[in-house]
Amino acid sequence: MQLHTINTGYFKLDGGAMFGVVPKTIWSKINIPDENNMCNWAMRCLLIEDGKRLILIDNGIGDKQDDKFFSHYYLHGDESLDSSLQAKGFHKDDITDVILTHLHFDHCGGSIVRAGDKLVPAFKNATYWSNARHWKWATEPNAREKASFLKENIIPISESGQLKFIEDAGSDFPGGIAIRQVFGHTEAMMLPQMNYKGKTILYMADLLPSAGHIPLPYVMAYDMFPLTTLNEKKSFLTEAVANDYVLFFEHDPIIECGTLQQTEKGIRLKESFNLYEI
């Protein structure tokens, strides 16, 4: 198995929304906001080479929405999904599997592209993996979360015939990837976990979007069930400390990976590093 970081670019989100009840006087030291209170965030994905399979976890925001939509998120950076794949010697047509941790637009927007007046899969040779509980949640969204579930990102996956479901939490995906589920951020979000070079790598998705979210109360206002997130974080962080897991951060603008330690103030970041340094 070989793992590669795939950077799809950066975007901005409101700092208050990203840090929830944490005061700006505190979170602004973690991620410095601009004059509009917007903070910079990565859209970092993971590519897994395993034999004949080339597995991509999440795929960023994509590029098919209109200028008005993108004006809210200030997309920037020199890297893209295509350029990052190319830098590793791959093309989207080489991808065999796309694991979608959840169907919020900044995680699955690259799944579908425009081809003339049609919306088609960006990865024409890949199977797209979600789970039945989350798919139902995303395709029948509540009013609060509806703006994050864009039909043009989701429905064409099903219509293409390339969609399959991972049904059970804890299921083993081909390549020795364990799929874990959490329910605080959104219903049945999937966290892929794998063994790599003697380390356990846990892809944190939006349970822990950045290293700055490690303290327990640092829960996003975007989360549907913040107390559930709080309990899930506590459980996962405790497990990660006990077993020396490497956490892969999808949205941290600087830190790709980190390990944890127990301190007098609670669990905190121990070391930070890039994936290639493992």
C-alpha atoms as a PDB file:
ATOM      1  CA  MET A   1       0.000   0.000   0.000  1.00  0.00           C
ATOM      2  CA  GLN A   2       1.124   3.520  -0.825  1.00  0.00           C
ATOM      3  CA  LEU A   3      -0.604   6.690   0.386  1.00  0.00           C
ATOM      4  CA  HIS A   4      -0.540  10.100  -1.297  1.00  0.00           C
ATOM      5  CA  THR A   5      -1.894  13.468  -0.214  1.00  0.00           C
ATOM      6  CA  ILE A   6      -4.104  15.034  -2.886  1.00  0.00           C
ATOM      7  CA  ASN A   7      -4.590  18.771  -2.479  1.00  0.00           C
ATOM      8  CA  THR A   8      -7.621  20.128  -4.341  1.00  0.00           C
ATOM      9  CA  GLY A   9      -7.253  23.779  -3.357  1.00  0.00           C
ATOM     10  CA  TYR A  10      -8.324  26.083  -0.547  1.00  0.00           C
ATOM     11  CA  PHE A  11     -11.523  27.883   0.393  1.00  0.00           C
ATOM     12  CA  LYS A  12     -12.792  30.169   3.128  1.00  0.00           C
ATOM     13  CA  LEU A  13     -15.484  29.668   5.749  1.00  0.00           C
ATOM     14  CA  ASP A  14     -16.695  31.855   8.578  1.00  0.00           C
ATOM     15  CA  GLY A  15     -14.468  31.420  11.607  1.00  0.00           C
ATOM     16  CA  GLY A  16     -17.335  31.613  14.072  1.00  0.00           C
ATOM     17  CA  ALA A  17     -19.185  28.846  12.273  1.00  0.00           C
ATOM     18  CA  MET A  18     -16.073  26.687  12.187  1.00  0.00           C
ATOM     19  CA  PHE A  19     -15.346  27.004  15.910  1.00  0.00           C
ATOM     20  CA  GLY A  20     -18.886  27.140  17.324  1.00  0.00           C
ATOM     21  CA  VAL A  21     -19.084  28.363  20.914  1.00  0.00           C
ATOM     22  CA  VAL A  22     -15.360  29.166  21.134  1.00  0.00           C
ATOM     23  CA  PRO A  23     -14.890  32.985  21.337  1.00  0.00           C
ATOM     24  CA  LYS A  24     -13.186  34.780  18.477  1.00  0.00           C
ATOM     25  CA  THR A  25     -10.524  36.053  20.877  1.00  0.00           C
ATOM     26  CA  ILE A  26      -9.402  32.426  21.195  1.00  0.00           C
ATOM     27  CA  TRP A  27     -10.000  30.867  17.771  1.00  0.00           C
ATOM     28  CA  SER A  28      -8.558  33.837  15.889  1.00  0.00           C
ATOM     29  CA  LYS A  29      -5.147  32.850  17.272  1.00  0.00           C
ATOM     30  CA  ILE A  30      -5.530  29.395  15.724  1.00  0.00           C
ATOM     31  CA  ASN A  31      -6.692  30.448  12.259  1.00  0.00           C
ATOM     32  CA  ILE A  32      -6.313  34.171  11.583  1.00  0.00           C
ATOM     33  CA  PRO A  33      -9.484  35.560   9.933  1.00  0.00           C
ATOM     34  CA  ASP A  34      -9.644  38.146   7.170  1.00  0.00           C
ATOM     35  CA  GLU A  35     -11.608  41.402   7.369  1.00  0.00           C
ATOM     36  CA  ASN A  36     -14.830  39.459   6.694  1.00  0.00           C
ATOM     37  CA  ASN A  37     -14.249  37.001   9.547  1.00  0.00           C
ATOM     38  CA  MET A  38     -13.413  34.280   6.998  1.00  0.00           C
ATOM     39  CA  CYS A  39     -10.679  31.728   7.689  1.00  0.00           C
ATOM     40  CA  ASN A  40      -8.601  29.722   5.243  1.00  0.00           C
ATOM     41  CA  TRP A  41      -9.186  25.966   4.964  1.00  0.00           C
ATOM     42  CA  ALA A  42      -7.731  23.165   2.873  1.00  0.00           C
ATOM     43  CA  MET A  43      -9.645  20.565   0.888  1.00  0.00           C
ATOM     44  CA  ARG A  44      -7.141  17.748   1.314  1.00  0.00           C
ATOM     45  CA  CYS A  45      -7.936  14.260   0.061  1.00  0.00           C
ATOM     46  CA  LEU A  46      -6.183  10.905   0.322  1.00  0.00           C
ATOM     47  CA  LEU A  47      -5.153   8.605  -2.533  1.00  0.00           C
ATOM     48  CA  ILE A  48      -4.477   4.955  -1.784  1.00  0.00           C
ATOM     49  CA  GLU A  49      -2.525   2.676  -4.129  1.00  0.00           C
ATOM     50  CA  ASP A  50      -3.259  -0.936  -3.304  1.00  0.00           C
ATOM     51  CA  GLY A  51      -2.430  -3.502  -5.955  1.00  0.00           C
ATOM     52  CA  LYS A  52      -4.743  -2.935  -8.901  1.00  0.00           C
ATOM     53  CA  ARG A  53      -6.977  -0.568  -6.933  1.00  0.00           C
ATOM     54  CA  LEU A  54      -6.524   3.190  -6.819  1.00  0.00           C
ATOM     55  CA  ILE A  55      -8.806   4.537  -4.103  1.00  0.00           C
ATOM     56  CA  LEU A  56      -9.588   8.220  -3.594  1.00  0.00           C
ATOM     57  CA  ILE A  57     -11.118   9.439  -0.334  1.00  0.00           C
ATOM     58  CA  ASP A  58     -13.226  12.574  -1.001  1.00  0.00           C
ATOM     59  CA  ASN A  59     -12.553  14.901  -3.937  1.00  0.00           C
ATOM     60  CA  GLY A  60     -13.034  18.551  -2.957  1.00  0.00           C
ATOM     61  CA  ILE A  61     -15.531  21.148  -4.109  1.00  0.00           C
ATOM     62  CA  GLY A  62     -15.343  20.660  -7.889  1.00  0.00           C
ATOM     63  CA  ASP A  63     -15.805  23.430 -10.452  1.00  0.00           C
ATOM     64  CA  LYS A  64     -19.284  23.101 -11.940  1.00  0.00           C
ATOM     65  CA  GLN A  65     -21.224  25.589  -9.813  1.00  0.00           C
ATOM     66  CA  ASP A  66     -21.734  29.172 -10.979  1.00  0.00           C
ATOM     67  CA  ASP A  67     -19.727  32.239 -10.024  1.00  0.00           C
ATOM     68  CA  LYS A  68     -22.320  33.344  -7.469  1.00  0.00           C
ATOM     69  CA  PHE A  69     -21.965  30.076  -5.576  1.00  0.00           C
ATOM     70  CA  PHE A  70     -18.174  30.168  -5.559  1.00  0.00           C
ATOM     71  CA  SER A  71     -18.134  33.847  -4.547  1.00  0.00           C
ATOM     72  CA  HIS A  72     -19.230  32.761  -1.057  1.00  0.00           C
ATOM     73  CA  TYR A  73     -16.200  30.527  -0.587  1.00  0.00           C
ATOM     74  CA  TYR A  74     -13.246  32.441  -2.072  1.00  0.00           C
ATOM     75  CA  LEU A  75     -11.567  29.515  -3.785  1.00  0.00           C
ATOM     76  CA  HIS A  76      -7.818  29.990  -4.131  1.00  0.00           C
ATOM     77  CA  GLY A  77      -4.504  28.174  -4.421  1.00  0.00           C
ATOM     78  CA  ASP A  78      -2.469  26.759  -7.291  1.00  0.00           C
ATOM     79  CA  GLU A  79      -3.361  23.100  -6.746  1.00  0.00           C
ATOM     80  CA  SER A  80      -6.401  21.242  -8.047  1.00  0.00           C
ATOM     81  CA  LEU A  81      -7.653  17.685  -8.074  1.00  0.00           C
ATOM     82  CA  ASP A  82      -6.375  17.154 -11.619  1.00  0.00           C
ATOM     83  CA  SER A  83      -2.970  18.747 -11.052  1.00  0.00           C
ATOM     84  CA  SER A  84      -2.421  16.863  -7.790  1.00  0.00           C
ATOM     85  CA  LEU A  85      -3.267  13.542  -9.407  1.00  0.00           C
ATOM     86  CA  GLN A  86      -1.012  14.359 -12.340  1.00  0.00           C
ATOM     87  CA  ALA A  87       1.855  15.206  -9.966  1.00  0.00           C
ATOM     88  CA  LYS A  88       1.581  11.656  -8.587  1.00  0.00           C
ATOM     89  CA  GLY A  89       1.505  10.177 -12.091  1.00  0.00           C
ATOM     90  CA  PHE A  90      -2.235   9.513 -12.277  1.00  0.00           C
ATOM     91  CA  HIS A  91      -5.368  10.646 -14.091  1.00  0.00           C
ATOM     92  CA  LYS A  92      -8.995  10.611 -12.938  1.00  0.00           C
ATOM     93  CA  ASP A  93      -9.635   7.707 -15.303  1.00  0.00           C
ATOM     94  CA  ASP A  94      -7.184   5.611 -13.249  1.00  0.00           C
ATOM     95  CA  ILE A  95      -9.303   5.836 -10.092  1.00  0.00           C
ATOM     96  CA  THR A  96     -11.069   2.541  -9.327  1.00  0.00           C
ATOM     97  CA  ASP A  97     -12.906   3.563  -6.144  1.00  0.00           C
ATOM     98  CA  VAL A  98     -14.100   6.836  -4.619  1.00  0.00           C
ATOM     99  CA  ILE A  99     -14.971   6.707  -0.920  1.00  0.00           C
ATOM    100  CA  LEU A 100     -17.176   9.660   0.011  1.00  0.00           C
ATOM    101  CA  THR A 101     -16.945  10.313   3.735  1.00  0.00           C
ATOM    102  CA  HIS A 102     -20.171  12.312   3.392  1.00  0.00           C
ATOM    103  CA  LEU A 103     -22.000  14.277   0.731  1.00  0.00           C
ATOM    104  CA  HIS A 104     -21.428  17.896   1.761  1.00  0.00           C
ATOM    105  CA  PHE A 105     -20.376  19.883  -1.298  1.00  0.00           C
ATOM    106  CA  ASP A 106     -16.779  20.498  -0.197  1.00  0.00           C
ATOM    107  CA  HIS A 107     -16.198  16.757   0.093  1.00  0.00           C
ATOM    108  CA  CYS A 108     -17.984  15.375  -2.966  1.00  0.00           C
ATOM    109  CA  GLY A 109     -18.246  18.268  -5.450  1.00  0.00           C
ATOM    110  CA  GLY A 110     -15.483  16.828  -7.609  1.00  0.00           C
ATOM    111  CA  SER A 111     -17.480  13.613  -8.110  1.00  0.00           C
ATOM    112  CA  ILE A 112     -19.523  15.042 -10.986  1.00  0.00           C
ATOM    113  CA  VAL A 113     -18.512  17.254 -13.912  1.00  0.00           C
ATOM    114  CA  ARG A 114     -20.364  18.964 -16.733  1.00  0.00           C
ATOM    115  CA  ALA A 115     -20.103  17.438 -20.189  1.00  0.00           C
ATOM    116  CA  GLY A 116     -22.041  19.813 -22.434  1.00  0.00           C
ATOM    117  CA  ASP A 117     -25.529  19.937 -20.984  1.00  0.00           C
ATOM    118  CA  LYS A 118     -25.088  16.714 -18.997  1.00  0.00           C
ATOM    119  CA  LEU A 119     -23.761  15.957 -15.535  1.00  0.00           C
ATOM    120  CA  VAL A 120     -21.531  12.881 -15.584  1.00  0.00           C
ATOM    121  CA  PRO A 121     -19.135  11.116 -13.196  1.00  0.00           C
ATOM    122  CA  ALA A 122     -15.673  12.666 -13.122  1.00  0.00           C
ATOM    123  CA  PHE A 123     -14.221   9.215 -12.435  1.00  0.00           C
ATOM    124  CA  LYS A 124     -15.704   7.187 -15.248  1.00  0.00           C
ATOM    125  CA  ASN A 125     -14.039   3.913 -14.265  1.00  0.00           C
ATOM    126  CA  ALA A 126     -14.664   4.145 -10.528  1.00  0.00           C
ATOM    127  CA  THR A 127     -17.190   2.767  -8.108  1.00  0.00           C
ATOM    128  CA  TYR A 128     -18.520   5.474  -5.771  1.00  0.00           C
ATOM    129  CA  TRP A 129     -18.989   4.370  -2.161  1.00  0.00           C
ATOM    130  CA  SER A 130     -21.429   5.860   0.346  1.00  0.00           C
ATOM    131  CA  ASN A 131     -23.773   4.160   2.826  1.00  0.00           C
ATOM    132  CA  ALA A 132     -27.549   3.770   2.822  1.00  0.00           C
ATOM    133  CA  ARG A 133     -28.205   5.804   5.980  1.00  0.00           C
ATOM    134  CA  HIS A 134     -26.183   8.791   4.839  1.00  0.00           C
ATOM    135  CA  TRP A 135     -27.489   8.629   1.269  1.00  0.00           C
ATOM    136  CA  LYS A 136     -31.091   8.807   2.511  1.00  0.00           C
ATOM    137  CA  TRP A 137     -30.154  11.677   4.845  1.00  0.00           C
ATOM    138  CA  ALA A 138     -28.509  13.613   2.007  1.00  0.00           C
ATOM    139  CA  THR A 139     -31.231  13.043  -0.584  1.00  0.00           C
ATOM    140  CA  GLU A 140     -34.028  13.904   1.877  1.00  0.00           C
ATOM    141  CA  PRO A 141     -32.247  16.752   3.699  1.00  0.00           C
ATOM    142  CA  ASN A 142     -33.466  18.777   6.624  1.00  0.00           C
ATOM    143  CA  ALA A 143     -33.864  22.529   6.140  1.00  0.00           C
ATOM    144  CA  ARG A 144     -30.744  23.373   8.153  1.00  0.00           C
ATOM    145  CA  GLU A 145     -28.413  21.112   6.171  1.00  0.00           C
ATOM    146  CA  LYS A 146     -30.057  21.355   2.761  1.00  0.00           C
ATOM    147  CA  ALA A 147     -27.632  23.977   1.437  1.00  0.00           C
ATOM    148  CA  SER A 148     -24.724  21.575   1.958  1.00  0.00           C
ATOM    149  CA  PHE A 149     -26.307  18.745  -0.035  1.00  0.00           C
ATOM    150  CA  LEU A 150     -26.366  19.861  -3.667  1.00  0.00           C
ATOM    151  CA  LYS A 151     -28.448  17.622  -5.913  1.00  0.00           C
ATOM    152  CA  GLU A 152     -26.099  18.113  -8.854  1.00  0.00           C
ATOM    153  CA  ASN A 153     -23.290  16.564  -6.795  1.00  0.00           C
ATOM    154  CA  ILE A 154     -25.318  13.594  -5.614  1.00  0.00           C
ATOM    155  CA  ILE A 155     -28.131  12.409  -7.885  1.00  0.00           C
ATOM    156  CA  PRO A 156     -25.962  11.886 -11.019  1.00  0.00           C
ATOM    157  CA  ILE A 157     -23.828   9.408  -9.043  1.00  0.00           C
ATOM    158  CA  SER A 158     -26.863   7.186  -8.512  1.00  0.00           C
ATOM    159  CA  GLU A 159     -28.117   7.707 -12.069  1.00  0.00           C
ATOM    160  CA  SER A 160     -24.741   6.628 -13.460  1.00  0.00           C
ATOM    161  CA  GLY A 161     -25.037   3.143 -11.987  1.00  0.00           C
ATOM    162  CA  GLN A 162     -21.614   3.550 -10.341  1.00  0.00           C
ATOM    163  CA  LEU A 163     -22.910   3.898  -6.770  1.00  0.00           C
ATOM    164  CA  LYS A 164     -22.540   1.174  -4.124  1.00  0.00           C
ATOM    165  CA  PHE A 165     -23.178   1.217  -0.393  1.00  0.00           C
ATOM    166  CA  ILE A 166     -20.980   0.196   2.517  1.00  0.00           C
ATOM    167  CA  GLU A 167     -23.722  -0.962   4.803  1.00  0.00           C
ATOM    168  CA  ASP A 168     -22.233  -1.498   8.234  1.00  0.00           C
ATOM    169  CA  ALA A 169     -20.079   0.591  10.529  1.00  0.00           C
ATOM    170  CA  GLY A 170     -16.780  -1.206  11.028  1.00  0.00           C
ATOM    171  CA  SER A 171     -16.986  -2.864   7.625  1.00  0.00           C
ATOM    172  CA  ASP A 172     -13.721  -3.768   5.959  1.00  0.00           C
ATOM    173  CA  PHE A 173     -13.242  -2.190   2.561  1.00  0.00           C
ATOM    174  CA  PRO A 174     -10.938  -3.876   0.007  1.00  0.00           C
ATOM    175  CA  GLY A 175      -7.311  -3.063   0.698  1.00  0.00           C
ATOM    176  CA  GLY A 176      -7.626  -3.515   4.450  1.00  0.00           C
ATOM    177  CA  ILE A 177      -9.435  -0.203   4.975  1.00  0.00           C
ATOM    178  CA  ALA A 178     -11.797  -0.227   7.937  1.00  0.00           C
ATOM    179  CA  ILE A 179     -14.812   2.065   7.561  1.00  0.00           C
ATOM    180  CA  ARG A 180     -15.982   3.624  10.812  1.00  0.00           C
ATOM    181  CA  GLN A 181     -19.085   5.781  11.193  1.00  0.00           C
ATOM    182  CA  VAL A 182     -19.900   8.834  13.301  1.00  0.00           C
ATOM    183  CA  PHE A 183     -23.177  10.719  13.670  1.00  0.00           C
ATOM    184  CA  GLY A 184     -22.574  14.157  15.170  1.00  0.00           C
ATOM    185  CA  HIS A 185     -21.556  16.202  12.144  1.00  0.00           C
ATOM    186  CA  THR A 186     -24.077  14.537   9.861  1.00  0.00           C
ATOM    187  CA  GLU A 187     -25.800  11.159   9.691  1.00  0.00           C
ATOM    188  CA  ALA A 188     -23.401   8.215   9.264  1.00  0.00           C
ATOM    189  CA  MET A 189     -20.273  10.063   8.137  1.00  0.00           C
ATOM    190  CA  MET A 190     -17.552   7.555   7.282  1.00  0.00           C
ATOM    191  CA  LEU A 191     -13.990   7.664   8.648  1.00  0.00           C
ATOM    192  CA  PRO A 192     -11.605   5.350   6.751  1.00  0.00           C
ATOM    193  CA  GLN A 193      -8.880   3.759   8.861  1.00  0.00           C
ATOM    194  CA  MET A 194      -5.864   1.821   7.553  1.00  0.00           C
ATOM    195  CA  ASN A 195      -2.510   0.391   8.562  1.00  0.00           C
ATOM    196  CA  TYR A 196       0.457   1.982   6.798  1.00  0.00           C
ATOM    197  CA  LYS A 197       4.156   1.480   7.464  1.00  0.00           C
ATOM    198  CA  GLY A 198       3.451   0.188  10.940  1.00  0.00           C
ATOM    199  CA  LYS A 199       1.110   3.070  11.807  1.00  0.00           C
ATOM    200  CA  THR A 200      -2.676   3.316  12.034  1.00  0.00           C
ATOM    201  CA  ILE A 201      -3.879   6.193   9.861  1.00  0.00           C
ATOM    202  CA  LEU A 202      -7.329   7.621  10.607  1.00  0.00           C
ATOM    203  CA  TYR A 203      -8.927   9.967   8.069  1.00  0.00           C
ATOM    204  CA  MET A 204     -10.789  12.438  10.284  1.00  0.00           C
ATOM    205  CA  ALA A 205     -13.085  14.118   7.711  1.00  0.00           C
ATOM    206  CA  ASP A 206     -15.296  16.604   9.607  1.00  0.00           C
ATOM    207  CA  LEU A 207     -15.199  14.928  13.004  1.00  0.00           C
ATOM    208  CA  LEU A 208     -11.886  16.743  13.446  1.00  0.00           C
ATOM    209  CA  PRO A 209     -11.510  19.097  10.474  1.00  0.00           C
ATOM    210  CA  SER A 210      -8.225  20.565  11.707  1.00  0.00           C
ATOM    211  CA  ALA A 211      -5.628  20.221  14.430  1.00  0.00           C
ATOM    212  CA  GLY A 212      -7.140  23.369  15.915  1.00  0.00           C
ATOM    213  CA  HIS A 213     -10.310  21.414  16.687  1.00  0.00           C
ATOM    214  CA  ILE A 214      -8.639  18.902  19.010  1.00  0.00           C
ATOM    215  CA  PRO A 215      -9.865  20.461  22.326  1.00  0.00           C
ATOM    216  CA  LEU A 216     -13.225  18.879  23.120  1.00  0.00           C
ATOM    217  CA  PRO A 217     -15.407  22.043  23.154  1.00  0.00           C
ATOM    218  CA  TYR A 218     -14.135  23.106  19.716  1.00  0.00           C
ATOM    219  CA  VAL A 219     -17.142  21.799  17.781  1.00  0.00           C
ATOM    220  CA  MET A 220     -18.344  23.357  14.534  1.00  0.00           C
ATOM    221  CA  ALA A 221     -21.651  25.194  14.401  1.00  0.00           C
ATOM    222  CA  TYR A 222     -22.234  23.234  11.175  1.00  0.00           C
ATOM    223  CA  ASP A 223     -22.617  20.000  13.163  1.00  0.00           C
ATOM    224  CA  MET A 224     -26.158  18.672  13.311  1.00  0.00           C
ATOM    225  CA  PHE A 225     -25.744  17.098  16.759  1.00  0.00           C
ATOM    226  CA  PRO A 226     -22.933  18.884  18.637  1.00  0.00           C
ATOM    227  CA  LEU A 227     -23.209  16.853  21.847  1.00  0.00           C
ATOM    228  CA  THR A 228     -22.898  13.681  19.807  1.00  0.00           C
ATOM    229  CA  THR A 229     -19.806  15.138  18.148  1.00  0.00           C
ATOM    230  CA  LEU A 230     -18.405  15.977  21.586  1.00  0.00           C
ATOM    231  CA  ASN A 231     -18.794  12.386  22.768  1.00  0.00           C
ATOM    232  CA  GLU A 232     -17.457  10.952  19.517  1.00  0.00           C
ATOM    233  CA  LYS A 233     -14.420  13.213  19.662  1.00  0.00           C
ATOM    234  CA  LYS A 234     -13.686  12.178  23.230  1.00  0.00           C
ATOM    235  CA  SER A 235     -13.880   8.496  22.315  1.00  0.00           C
ATOM    236  CA  PHE A 236     -11.766   8.763  19.168  1.00  0.00           C
ATOM    237  CA  LEU A 237      -9.142  11.043  20.725  1.00  0.00           C
ATOM    238  CA  THR A 238      -8.749   8.739  23.724  1.00  0.00           C
ATOM    239  CA  GLU A 239      -8.351   5.763  21.404  1.00  0.00           C
ATOM    240  CA  ALA A 240      -5.855   7.671  19.244  1.00  0.00           C
ATOM    241  CA  VAL A 241      -3.665   8.559  22.230  1.00  0.00           C
ATOM    242  CA  ALA A 242      -3.735   5.006  23.588  1.00  0.00           C
ATOM    243  CA  ASN A 243      -2.764   3.486  20.239  1.00  0.00           C
ATOM    244  CA  ASP A 244      -0.548   6.255  18.822  1.00  0.00           C
ATOM    245  CA  TYR A 245      -2.738   6.799  15.755  1.00  0.00           C
ATOM    246  CA  VAL A 246      -1.773   9.206  13.001  1.00  0.00           C
ATOM    247  CA  LEU A 247      -4.688  11.555  12.265  1.00  0.00           C
ATOM    248  CA  PHE A 248      -5.099  12.881   8.711  1.00  0.00           C
ATOM    249  CA  PHE A 249      -6.685  16.341   8.665  1.00  0.00           C
ATOM    250  CA  GLU A 250      -8.826  17.185   5.641  1.00  0.00           C
ATOM    251  CA  HIS A 251      -9.307  20.909   6.262  1.00  0.00           C
ATOM    252  CA  ASP A 252      -6.296  22.103   8.245  1.00  0.00           C
ATOM    253  CA  PRO A 253      -4.634  24.775   6.062  1.00  0.00           C
ATOM    254  CA  ILE A 254      -1.131  23.811   7.216  1.00  0.00           C
ATOM    255  CA  ILE A 255      -1.009  20.523   9.110  1.00  0.00           C
ATOM    256  CA  GLU A 256      -1.587  17.314   7.137  1.00  0.00           C
ATOM    257  CA  CYS A 257      -1.064  14.751   9.878  1.00  0.00           C
ATOM    258  CA  GLY A 258      -0.574  14.631  13.614  1.00  0.00           C
ATOM    259  CA  THR A 259      -0.253  12.446  16.667  1.00  0.00           C
ATOM    260  CA  LEU A 260      -1.732  13.188  20.093  1.00  0.00           C
ATOM    261  CA  GLN A 261      -0.710  13.247  23.718  1.00  0.00           C
ATOM    262  CA  GLN A 262      -2.423  13.553  27.088  1.00  0.00           C
ATOM    263  CA  THR A 263      -1.639  16.833  28.883  1.00  0.00           C
ATOM    264  CA  GLU A 264      -2.851  18.623  32.005  1.00  0.00           C
ATOM    265  CA  LYS A 265      -5.277  20.546  29.771  1.00  0.00           C
ATOM    266  CA  GLY A 266      -6.582  17.419  28.060  1.00  0.00           C
ATOM    267  CA  ILE A 267      -5.612  15.722  24.825  1.00  0.00           C
ATOM    268  CA  ARG A 268      -3.519  17.945  22.591  1.00  0.00           C
ATOM    269  CA  LEU A 269      -1.386  17.732  19.448  1.00  0.00           C
ATOM    270  CA  LYS A 270       1.929  15.966  20.017  1.00  0.00           C
ATOM    271  CA  GLU A 271       3.661  16.078  16.638  1.00  0.00           C
ATOM    272  CA  SER A 272       2.660  17.380  13.223  1.00  0.00           C
ATOM    273  CA  PHE A 273       4.116  16.268   9.901  1.00  0.00           C
ATOM    274  CA  ASN A 274       3.356  15.579   6.265  1.00  0.00           C
ATOM    275  CA  LEU A 275       2.134  12.202   5.095  1.00  0.00           C
ATOM    276  CA  TYR A 276       5.264  11.524   3.044  1.00  0.00           C
ATOM    277  CA  GLU A 277       7.364  11.774   6.221  1.00  0.00           C
ATOM    278  CA  ILE A 278       5.872   8.599   7.684  1.00  0.00           C
END
